[in-house]
Amino acid sequence: MRFVAHIISLFLLLCSLPLVAQESHEMYSGDTLAVMHSRIYYPVNEVDIYEDYMTNPTELEQIKHLLHSTQLIDSITIYSYASPEGSYTFNKWLAAERGQTAKRYILANIPAYRNFPDSLIHIQSTAENWAGMREEIEHRYTRADKVRVLEIIDMPGIADSERKRMLAALDGGSSWQYILDHIMPHLRYATWITVWHPAIKMAPVASYMSVPAVESPRTVRVPALKSQDYYSKTILAVKTNMLYDALTWLNYSIEVPFAGEKFSALLYHQFPWWRWGQNDNEYCMRFLGVGAEARYWFLPQTRPETPKLKIRDCLVGHYVGLYGESGMYDFERKTDICYQGEYWSVGLSYGYSMPICKYLNLEFAISGGYASIAHRGYTPSPDYEILWRDYTRMGRWHYWGITKLQVSLVVPIIVNLKKGARP
């Protein structure tokens, strides 16, 4: 009966903990069990543990001290969260990965003498921390429309995406910006409840370095601790269409994201300029083309395929685009194909881009539309030194259909920006 009573007491205790609102380092004790929970914060869109971010220095010191104490750990439950901004799909992955990062961190710092199996560490993730947001608004929000903000958060029967839209529309967007700057950072965290057995009293936090460290054979590699001062952001991407490259059709593109990473602008240039054969004039492939494309990304943020891949904040997923281009050409194959001219084309594009390793993406795209191609035929002299205009082969071709196929290798240019800075 005593054991059953302890189990019931523990269940009621855990159910009563306001997890999203508690301050760290709180301790709850029973007759034979003690419970403590800690909290680690994460910068926006990050899953790595940042050593100097917000209250993390104190939390990490406390966690390491307790993991190396002589008390017996019964179990650890990790609750991980993402703030209610960005896409729900990405937030769901982000919250789950933060829980996994916290678990790896705990395992990496539990000494071998504990013989603590990772099956006793449980993860529960919440994609969007709306409950925490409401409490933070209650305590931290100082603008005049606080009541209206709380009404929107509490509004029943609406989707969270509509809730975000309504909040973003308040006061011309300034209220939402205030929430992003002052509320959201307090909603991105992993918090864990550690159950100790037998009961312990809260001891002063000793320096982690003063506790004898024993290397665990189950040490799990965790992401490197980073400074809080900077965050990673994709500012542009450089790419080349490998299908054209295989034909020595040299080309490159530069793409720049904007407007919250859901839109991007692409500029591209094609410039094969070859002559070869007899007197260097028997064959000719000369082409100069420039174009631009505006793109809309359906999922500007995505999860990597493996833990080794760096998270992309934009320029990944599916997109549609509107393009326009023009240029000039000169194609010659002995006397069989001899044409010069100019062209222009407009149309629509559809594509998909995905990470293939830490520093590279692979993009697949197809474009279709209209092309207007002016052509002027010519005939070379037998020694290919002189070109004679053929006035019977002049005109303009009008084409509707597929205009481009792309399998592009993409190099995202990712920079570290200071917190609060705008790229």
Protein backbone atom coordinates (compact mmCIF):
# COMPACT_ATOMS: atom_id res chain seq x y z
CA MET A 1 0.00 0.00 0.00
CA ARG A 2 2.88 2.37 0.77
CA PHE A 3 4.28 1.79 -2.73
CA VAL A 4 0.87 2.47 -4.32
CA ALA A 5 0.53 5.63 -2.27
CA HIS A 6 3.90 6.82 -3.51
CA ILE A 7 2.93 6.18 -7.14
CA ILE A 8 -0.35 8.07 -6.74
CA SER A 9 1.44 10.96 -5.03
CA LEU A 10 3.96 11.16 -7.84
CA PHE A 11 1.21 11.11 -10.49
CA LEU A 12 -0.71 13.91 -8.79
CA LEU A 13 2.49 15.89 -8.35
CA LEU A 14 3.45 15.69 -12.02
CA CYS A 15 -0.07 16.55 -13.16
CA SER A 16 -0.10 19.63 -10.97
CA LEU A 17 3.18 21.09 -12.23
CA PRO A 18 2.58 24.16 -14.43
CA LEU A 19 5.46 23.15 -16.68
CA VAL A 20 5.40 26.05 -19.06
CA ALA A 21 5.33 28.63 -16.32
CA GLN A 22 7.70 27.31 -13.66
CA GLU A 23 10.97 29.01 -12.92
CA SER A 24 13.99 26.70 -12.96
CA HIS A 25 15.65 24.94 -10.03
CA GLU A 26 12.38 24.24 -8.18
CA MET A 27 12.33 21.12 -5.98
CA TYR A 28 9.34 19.07 -4.82
CA SER A 29 9.78 16.35 -2.19
CA GLY A 30 7.69 13.51 -0.84
CA ASP A 31 8.42 10.79 1.67
CA THR A 32 10.57 8.72 -0.68
CA LEU A 33 10.70 10.71 -3.93
CA ALA A 34 11.95 14.14 -4.92
CA VAL A 35 11.30 15.98 -8.18
CA MET A 36 13.28 18.81 -9.75
CA HIS A 37 12.95 20.40 -13.15
CA SER A 38 15.31 22.53 -15.22
CA ARG A 39 14.90 24.49 -18.44
CA ILE A 40 17.19 25.07 -21.41
CA TYR A 41 16.35 27.81 -23.92
CA TYR A 42 17.01 27.72 -27.66
CA PRO A 43 17.42 30.60 -30.15
CA VAL A 44 14.91 30.82 -32.98
CA ASN A 45 15.08 27.90 -35.45
CA GLU A 46 17.92 26.27 -33.50
CA VAL A 47 18.15 22.80 -31.98
CA ASP A 48 21.73 23.05 -30.69
CA ILE A 49 22.40 23.92 -27.06
CA TYR A 50 23.88 27.42 -26.71
CA GLU A 51 25.98 27.70 -23.60
CA ASP A 52 25.54 31.47 -23.04
CA TYR A 53 21.94 31.90 -24.16
CA MET A 54 19.54 33.51 -21.67
CA THR A 55 19.65 31.53 -18.38
CA ASN A 56 21.45 28.51 -19.85
CA PRO A 57 24.79 29.02 -18.00
CA THR A 58 23.14 28.54 -14.60
CA GLU A 59 20.92 25.73 -15.83
CA LEU A 60 23.76 23.76 -17.40
CA GLU A 61 25.87 24.10 -14.25
CA GLN A 62 22.98 22.85 -12.13
CA ILE A 63 22.25 19.93 -14.46
CA LYS A 64 25.85 18.76 -14.56
CA HIS A 65 26.11 18.99 -10.78
CA LEU A 66 22.97 16.94 -10.18
CA LEU A 67 23.87 14.33 -12.80
CA HIS A 68 27.20 13.80 -11.00
CA SER A 69 25.76 13.74 -7.47
CA THR A 70 25.53 10.54 -5.46
CA GLN A 71 21.74 10.39 -5.50
CA LEU A 72 19.92 7.74 -7.53
CA ILE A 73 18.01 8.99 -10.58
CA ASP A 74 14.74 7.12 -11.01
CA SER A 75 13.66 8.65 -14.35
CA ILE A 76 13.81 11.79 -16.49
CA THR A 77 10.97 13.19 -18.62
CA ILE A 78 11.78 15.88 -21.19
CA TYR A 79 9.11 18.31 -22.41
CA SER A 80 10.25 20.24 -25.47
CA TYR A 81 8.59 23.16 -27.25
CA ALA A 82 8.76 25.51 -30.24
CA SER A 83 7.28 29.00 -30.23
CA PRO A 84 4.10 29.71 -32.25
CA GLU A 85 5.79 31.27 -35.30
CA GLY A 86 6.68 29.84 -38.69
CA SER A 87 5.07 26.75 -40.22
CA TYR A 88 3.47 24.10 -38.04
CA THR A 89 5.31 21.29 -39.86
CA PHE A 90 8.70 22.82 -39.11
CA ASN A 91 7.73 23.67 -35.52
CA LYS A 92 6.69 20.07 -34.91
CA TRP A 93 10.08 18.81 -36.06
CA LEU A 94 11.87 21.61 -34.21
CA ALA A 95 10.25 20.74 -30.87
CA ALA A 96 11.00 17.03 -31.30
CA GLU A 97 14.64 17.69 -32.21
CA ARG A 98 15.09 19.96 -29.18
CA GLY A 99 13.91 17.09 -27.02
CA GLN A 100 16.42 14.76 -28.69
CA THR A 101 19.22 17.30 -28.22
CA ALA A 102 18.37 17.61 -24.53
CA LYS A 103 18.36 13.82 -24.21
CA ARG A 104 21.76 13.50 -25.88
CA TYR A 105 23.11 16.21 -23.60
CA ILE A 106 21.89 14.39 -20.48
CA LEU A 107 23.32 11.06 -21.65
CA ALA A 108 26.66 12.69 -22.46
CA ASN A 109 26.91 14.05 -18.91
CA ILE A 110 25.71 11.09 -16.87
CA PRO A 111 28.80 9.32 -15.47
CA ALA A 112 29.35 5.64 -16.14
CA TYR A 113 28.87 4.58 -12.51
CA ARG A 114 25.16 5.42 -12.73
CA ASN A 115 24.58 2.74 -15.39
CA PHE A 116 21.55 4.78 -16.46
CA PRO A 117 19.80 3.38 -19.59
CA ASP A 118 18.46 5.87 -22.10
CA SER A 119 15.11 4.04 -22.01
CA LEU A 120 14.44 5.85 -18.71
CA ILE A 121 14.57 9.23 -20.49
CA HIS A 122 11.19 10.02 -22.02
CA ILE A 123 10.43 12.82 -24.51
CA GLN A 124 7.14 14.65 -24.99
CA SER A 125 7.21 17.44 -27.57
CA THR A 126 4.70 20.21 -28.30
CA ALA A 127 4.88 21.86 -31.73
CA GLU A 128 3.60 25.29 -30.69
CA ASN A 129 3.71 26.51 -27.10
CA TRP A 130 0.44 28.44 -26.97
CA ALA A 131 -0.14 27.75 -23.27
CA GLY A 132 3.26 29.18 -22.46
CA MET A 133 2.63 32.13 -24.75
CA ARG A 134 -0.55 33.04 -22.91
CA GLU A 135 1.21 33.01 -19.55
CA GLU A 136 4.13 35.05 -20.88
CA ILE A 137 1.69 37.61 -22.31
CA GLU A 138 0.08 37.87 -18.86
CA HIS A 139 3.41 38.56 -17.17
CA ARG A 140 5.55 40.34 -19.77
CA TYR A 141 3.31 42.09 -22.31
CA THR A 142 3.13 45.84 -21.68
CA ARG A 143 1.32 47.24 -24.74
CA ALA A 144 -2.14 48.81 -24.58
CA ASP A 145 -3.82 46.02 -26.60
CA LYS A 146 -2.94 43.29 -24.06
CA VAL A 147 -6.59 42.40 -23.47
CA ARG A 148 -7.21 41.97 -27.21
CA VAL A 149 -4.10 39.79 -27.55
CA LEU A 150 -5.36 37.51 -24.78
CA GLU A 151 -8.82 37.38 -26.37
CA ILE A 152 -7.31 36.18 -29.66
CA ILE A 153 -5.17 33.55 -27.91
CA ASP A 154 -8.23 32.29 -25.97
CA MET A 155 -10.57 32.43 -28.98
CA PRO A 156 -12.18 28.99 -29.43
CA GLY A 157 -12.92 27.25 -32.69
CA ILE A 158 -10.24 28.82 -34.91
CA ALA A 159 -7.11 27.34 -36.41
CA ASP A 160 -3.75 28.37 -34.99
CA SER A 161 -2.78 29.77 -38.40
CA GLU A 162 -5.77 32.13 -38.23
CA ARG A 163 -4.83 33.04 -34.65
CA LYS A 164 -1.36 34.02 -35.86
CA ARG A 165 -2.83 36.06 -38.71
CA MET A 166 -5.09 37.99 -36.32
CA LEU A 167 -2.23 38.70 -33.93
CA ALA A 168 0.01 39.81 -36.81
CA ALA A 169 -2.66 42.29 -37.94
CA LEU A 170 -2.86 44.12 -34.60
CA ASP A 171 -1.63 47.72 -34.65
CA GLY A 172 -0.20 47.42 -38.14
CA GLY A 173 2.06 44.53 -37.13
CA SER A 174 3.88 46.34 -34.31
CA SER A 175 2.22 44.20 -31.61
CA TRP A 176 3.30 41.00 -33.35
CA GLN A 177 6.84 42.35 -33.68
CA TYR A 178 6.85 43.06 -29.94
CA ILE A 179 5.73 39.48 -29.30
CA LEU A 180 8.47 38.16 -31.57
CA ASP A 181 11.13 40.23 -29.81
CA HIS A 182 10.05 39.94 -26.17
CA ILE A 183 7.74 36.92 -25.78
CA MET A 184 8.80 34.25 -28.27
CA PRO A 185 12.35 33.78 -26.89
CA HIS A 186 10.80 32.55 -23.61
CA LEU A 187 8.77 29.86 -25.43
CA ARG A 188 11.60 27.95 -27.15
CA TYR A 189 12.93 25.50 -24.63
CA ALA A 190 13.26 21.96 -23.41
CA THR A 191 12.44 21.35 -19.76
CA TRP A 192 12.88 18.09 -17.93
CA ILE A 193 11.55 16.62 -14.71
CA THR A 194 14.04 14.48 -12.83
CA VAL A 195 12.64 12.04 -10.29
CA TRP A 196 15.11 11.17 -7.51
CA HIS A 197 14.93 8.21 -5.17
CA PRO A 198 15.30 8.20 -2.21
CA ALA A 199 14.28 11.70 -1.07
CA ILE A 200 16.98 14.38 -1.19
CA LYS A 201 17.23 17.96 -0.07
CA MET A 202 18.19 20.75 -2.40
CA ALA A 203 21.95 21.18 -1.97
CA PRO A 204 23.89 24.32 -2.90
CA VAL A 205 25.13 24.20 -6.48
CA ALA A 206 28.77 23.19 -6.46
CA SER A 207 31.05 23.93 -9.35
CA TYR A 208 30.81 21.21 -11.95
CA MET A 209 34.60 21.13 -12.22
CA SER A 210 34.85 20.19 -8.54
CA VAL A 211 32.84 17.00 -9.07
CA PRO A 212 34.95 13.99 -10.09
CA ALA A 213 34.08 13.38 -13.71
CA VAL A 214 33.87 9.80 -14.95
CA GLU A 215 33.72 9.31 -18.70
CA SER A 216 30.64 7.37 -19.66
CA PRO A 217 30.95 4.48 -22.12
CA ARG A 218 27.51 5.49 -23.36
CA THR A 219 28.56 9.05 -24.17
CA VAL A 220 26.46 10.42 -27.02
CA ARG A 221 27.89 13.10 -29.26
CA VAL A 222 25.90 16.30 -28.85
CA PRO A 223 25.99 19.48 -30.93
CA ALA A 224 28.73 21.87 -29.95
CA LEU A 225 27.82 24.59 -27.51
CA LYS A 226 27.70 27.95 -29.20
CA SER A 227 27.69 31.61 -28.36
CA GLN A 228 24.35 33.35 -27.96
CA ASP A 229 25.48 36.39 -29.92
CA TYR A 230 25.04 35.01 -33.43
CA TYR A 231 22.63 32.91 -35.46
CA SER A 232 22.91 31.33 -38.91
CA LYS A 233 20.97 32.65 -41.89
CA THR A 234 20.95 31.89 -45.62
CA ILE A 235 21.48 35.18 -47.47
CA LEU A 236 21.74 33.78 -51.01
CA ALA A 237 22.47 30.64 -53.01
CA VAL A 238 24.77 30.04 -55.98
CA LYS A 239 23.82 27.25 -58.36
CA THR A 240 24.53 25.66 -61.73
CA ASN A 241 22.33 23.48 -63.96
CA MET A 242 24.28 20.23 -64.30
CA LEU A 243 22.25 19.13 -67.35
CA TYR A 244 23.56 22.14 -69.27
CA ASP A 245 27.06 21.72 -67.81
CA ALA A 246 27.19 18.17 -69.20
CA LEU A 247 26.80 19.70 -72.68
CA THR A 248 29.47 22.34 -71.87
CA TRP A 249 26.59 24.83 -71.77
CA LEU A 250 28.15 26.96 -69.03
CA ASN A 251 25.71 28.67 -66.69
CA TYR A 252 25.22 29.96 -63.17
CA SER A 253 22.40 31.41 -61.07
CA ILE A 254 22.18 33.55 -57.96
CA GLU A 255 19.07 33.37 -55.77
CA VAL A 256 18.22 35.73 -52.91
CA PRO A 257 15.42 35.06 -50.36
CA PHE A 258 13.24 37.87 -49.04
CA ALA A 259 9.87 38.64 -47.42
CA GLY A 260 10.21 36.17 -44.58
CA GLU A 261 11.94 33.56 -46.77
CA LYS A 262 8.69 32.64 -48.56
CA PHE A 263 9.76 34.51 -51.69
CA SER A 264 13.01 34.63 -53.62
CA ALA A 265 14.45 36.34 -56.68
CA LEU A 266 16.64 34.37 -59.11
CA LEU A 267 19.04 35.82 -61.68
CA TYR A 268 20.74 33.48 -64.16
CA HIS A 269 23.26 33.72 -66.98
CA GLN A 270 24.16 31.23 -69.74
CA PHE A 271 27.34 31.80 -71.69
CA PRO A 272 28.78 28.95 -73.79
CA TRP A 273 31.03 30.58 -76.41
CA TRP A 274 32.83 27.83 -78.29
CA ARG A 275 34.32 27.40 -81.77
CA TRP A 276 36.34 24.43 -82.99
CA GLY A 277 37.12 22.36 -86.12
CA GLN A 278 38.82 23.48 -89.33
CA ASN A 279 40.36 26.93 -88.87
CA ASP A 280 38.47 27.00 -85.61
CA ASN A 281 35.30 27.76 -87.59
CA GLU A 282 33.83 24.38 -88.55
CA TYR A 283 31.67 24.10 -85.42
CA CYS A 284 30.19 26.87 -83.35
CA MET A 285 28.14 26.95 -80.16
CA ARG A 286 27.74 30.49 -78.97
CA PHE A 287 24.97 31.53 -76.67
CA LEU A 288 24.48 34.51 -74.36
CA GLY A 289 21.33 34.49 -72.28
CA VAL A 290 20.14 36.29 -69.17
CA GLY A 291 16.96 35.81 -67.18
CA ALA A 292 15.16 36.44 -63.93
CA GLU A 293 12.59 34.49 -61.97
CA ALA A 294 10.37 35.32 -58.99
CA ARG A 295 9.60 32.32 -56.79
CA TYR A 296 7.13 31.48 -54.05
CA TRP A 297 8.18 28.72 -51.63
CA PHE A 298 5.43 26.59 -50.10
CA LEU A 299 7.67 25.25 -47.31
CA PRO A 300 10.51 27.73 -46.80
CA GLN A 301 11.79 25.71 -43.85
CA THR A 302 12.46 21.99 -43.78
CA ARG A 303 14.11 19.31 -41.73
CA PRO A 304 17.35 17.77 -42.89
CA GLU A 305 17.41 14.16 -44.11
CA THR A 306 20.02 13.10 -41.50
CA PRO A 307 21.34 14.61 -38.25
CA LYS A 308 24.55 15.56 -40.07
CA LEU A 309 22.76 17.98 -42.38
CA LYS A 310 22.52 21.61 -41.43
CA ILE A 311 18.99 22.95 -41.06
CA ARG A 312 18.06 25.20 -43.96
CA ASP A 313 16.05 28.25 -43.00
CA CYS A 314 14.90 28.88 -46.60
CA LEU A 315 15.29 27.97 -50.31
CA VAL A 316 14.23 24.38 -49.73
CA GLY A 317 11.01 22.50 -50.44
CA HIS A 318 8.52 23.04 -53.26
CA TYR A 319 8.13 26.29 -55.18
CA VAL A 320 6.41 27.88 -58.18
CA GLY A 321 7.93 30.69 -60.20
CA LEU A 322 7.38 33.20 -62.97
CA TYR A 323 10.35 33.72 -65.28
CA GLY A 324 11.43 35.86 -68.22
CA GLU A 325 14.64 35.68 -70.26
CA SER A 326 16.24 36.78 -73.52
CA GLY A 327 19.49 36.32 -75.39
CA MET A 328 21.33 35.74 -78.66
CA TYR A 329 22.86 32.66 -80.29
CA ASP A 330 25.02 31.32 -83.13
CA PHE A 331 24.89 27.58 -83.89
CA GLU A 332 26.90 25.94 -86.64
CA ARG A 333 27.66 22.32 -87.53
CA LYS A 334 29.66 22.37 -90.75
CA THR A 335 27.06 23.24 -93.40
CA ASP A 336 24.14 21.24 -91.93
CA ILE A 337 23.03 23.65 -89.19
CA CYS A 338 23.97 27.31 -89.57
CA TYR A 339 21.77 29.81 -87.75
CA GLN A 340 22.14 33.05 -85.84
CA GLY A 341 19.49 35.08 -84.08
CA GLU A 342 17.89 36.41 -80.91
CA TYR A 343 15.11 35.11 -78.67
CA TRP A 344 12.95 35.90 -75.69
CA SER A 345 10.76 33.69 -73.51
CA VAL A 346 8.30 33.93 -70.59
CA GLY A 347 6.60 31.21 -68.58
CA LEU A 348 6.03 29.37 -65.32
CA SER A 349 8.31 27.09 -63.33
CA TYR A 350 7.83 24.39 -60.76
CA GLY A 351 10.61 22.86 -58.71
CA TYR A 352 11.80 21.15 -55.57
CA SER A 353 15.03 21.72 -53.65
CA MET A 354 16.43 19.52 -50.89
CA PRO A 355 19.62 19.33 -48.81
CA ILE A 356 21.97 16.51 -49.82
CA CYS A 357 24.77 17.26 -47.36
CA LYS A 358 25.75 19.96 -44.88
CA TYR A 359 26.78 22.52 -47.51
CA LEU A 360 24.91 21.49 -50.69
CA ASN A 361 21.34 21.31 -52.00
CA LEU A 362 20.00 19.55 -55.08
CA GLU A 363 17.24 21.25 -57.07
CA PHE A 364 14.93 19.77 -59.71
CA ALA A 365 12.84 22.10 -61.89
CA ILE A 366 10.81 22.23 -65.06
CA SER A 367 9.64 25.35 -66.90
CA GLY A 368 7.11 25.87 -69.64
CA GLY A 369 5.80 28.82 -71.57
CA TYR A 370 6.21 30.78 -74.79
CA ALA A 371 9.38 31.49 -76.75
CA SER A 372 9.84 33.84 -79.72
CA ILE A 373 13.00 32.97 -81.69
CA ALA A 374 14.29 35.09 -84.58
CA HIS A 375 16.53 33.08 -86.95
CA ARG A 376 18.83 33.95 -89.83
CA GLY A 377 20.43 31.14 -91.84
CA TYR A 378 23.87 31.36 -93.43
CA THR A 379 26.20 29.24 -95.52
CA PRO A 380 29.97 29.11 -94.84
CA SER A 381 32.58 29.12 -97.57
CA PRO A 382 34.49 25.84 -98.17
CA ASP A 383 37.34 27.01 -95.94
CA TYR A 384 34.88 28.34 -93.32
CA GLU A 385 36.46 31.76 -93.44
CA ILE A 386 33.44 33.60 -94.90
CA LEU A 387 29.75 33.38 -93.97
CA TRP A 388 27.13 34.14 -96.64
CA ARG A 389 23.65 35.16 -95.55
CA ASP A 390 20.87 32.81 -96.79
CA TYR A 391 17.82 35.01 -97.24
CA THR A 392 15.59 31.98 -97.88
CA ARG A 393 16.08 30.86 -94.27
CA MET A 394 15.06 33.92 -92.32
CA GLY A 395 12.07 34.42 -90.07
CA ARG A 396 10.77 33.86 -86.54
CA TRP A 397 9.76 30.67 -84.76
CA HIS A 398 6.92 30.70 -82.23
CA TYR A 399 7.07 27.96 -79.64
CA TRP A 400 4.75 26.83 -76.82
CA GLY A 401 5.83 24.04 -74.50
CA ILE A 402 8.60 22.98 -72.14
CA THR A 403 11.36 25.57 -72.21
CA LYS A 404 13.78 24.46 -69.46
CA LEU A 405 14.78 21.37 -67.51
CA GLN A 406 17.05 21.75 -64.51
CA VAL A 407 18.97 19.48 -62.17
CA SER A 408 20.99 22.06 -60.30
CA LEU A 409 23.72 21.82 -57.72
CA VAL A 410 23.11 24.54 -55.11
CA VAL A 411 25.55 26.08 -52.64
CA PRO A 412 23.67 28.04 -49.93
CA ILE A 413 25.70 30.96 -48.59
CA ILE A 414 25.09 30.89 -44.83
CA VAL A 415 26.41 33.64 -42.57
CA ASN A 416 26.39 34.29 -38.85
CA LEU A 417 24.41 37.37 -37.91
CA LYS A 418 24.29 39.10 -34.58
CA LYS A 419 21.13 38.65 -32.59
CA GLY A 420 18.64 41.37 -33.41
CA ALA A 421 20.50 42.40 -36.57
CA ARG A 422 18.66 42.52 -39.87
CA PRO A 423 20.50 41.09 -42.91
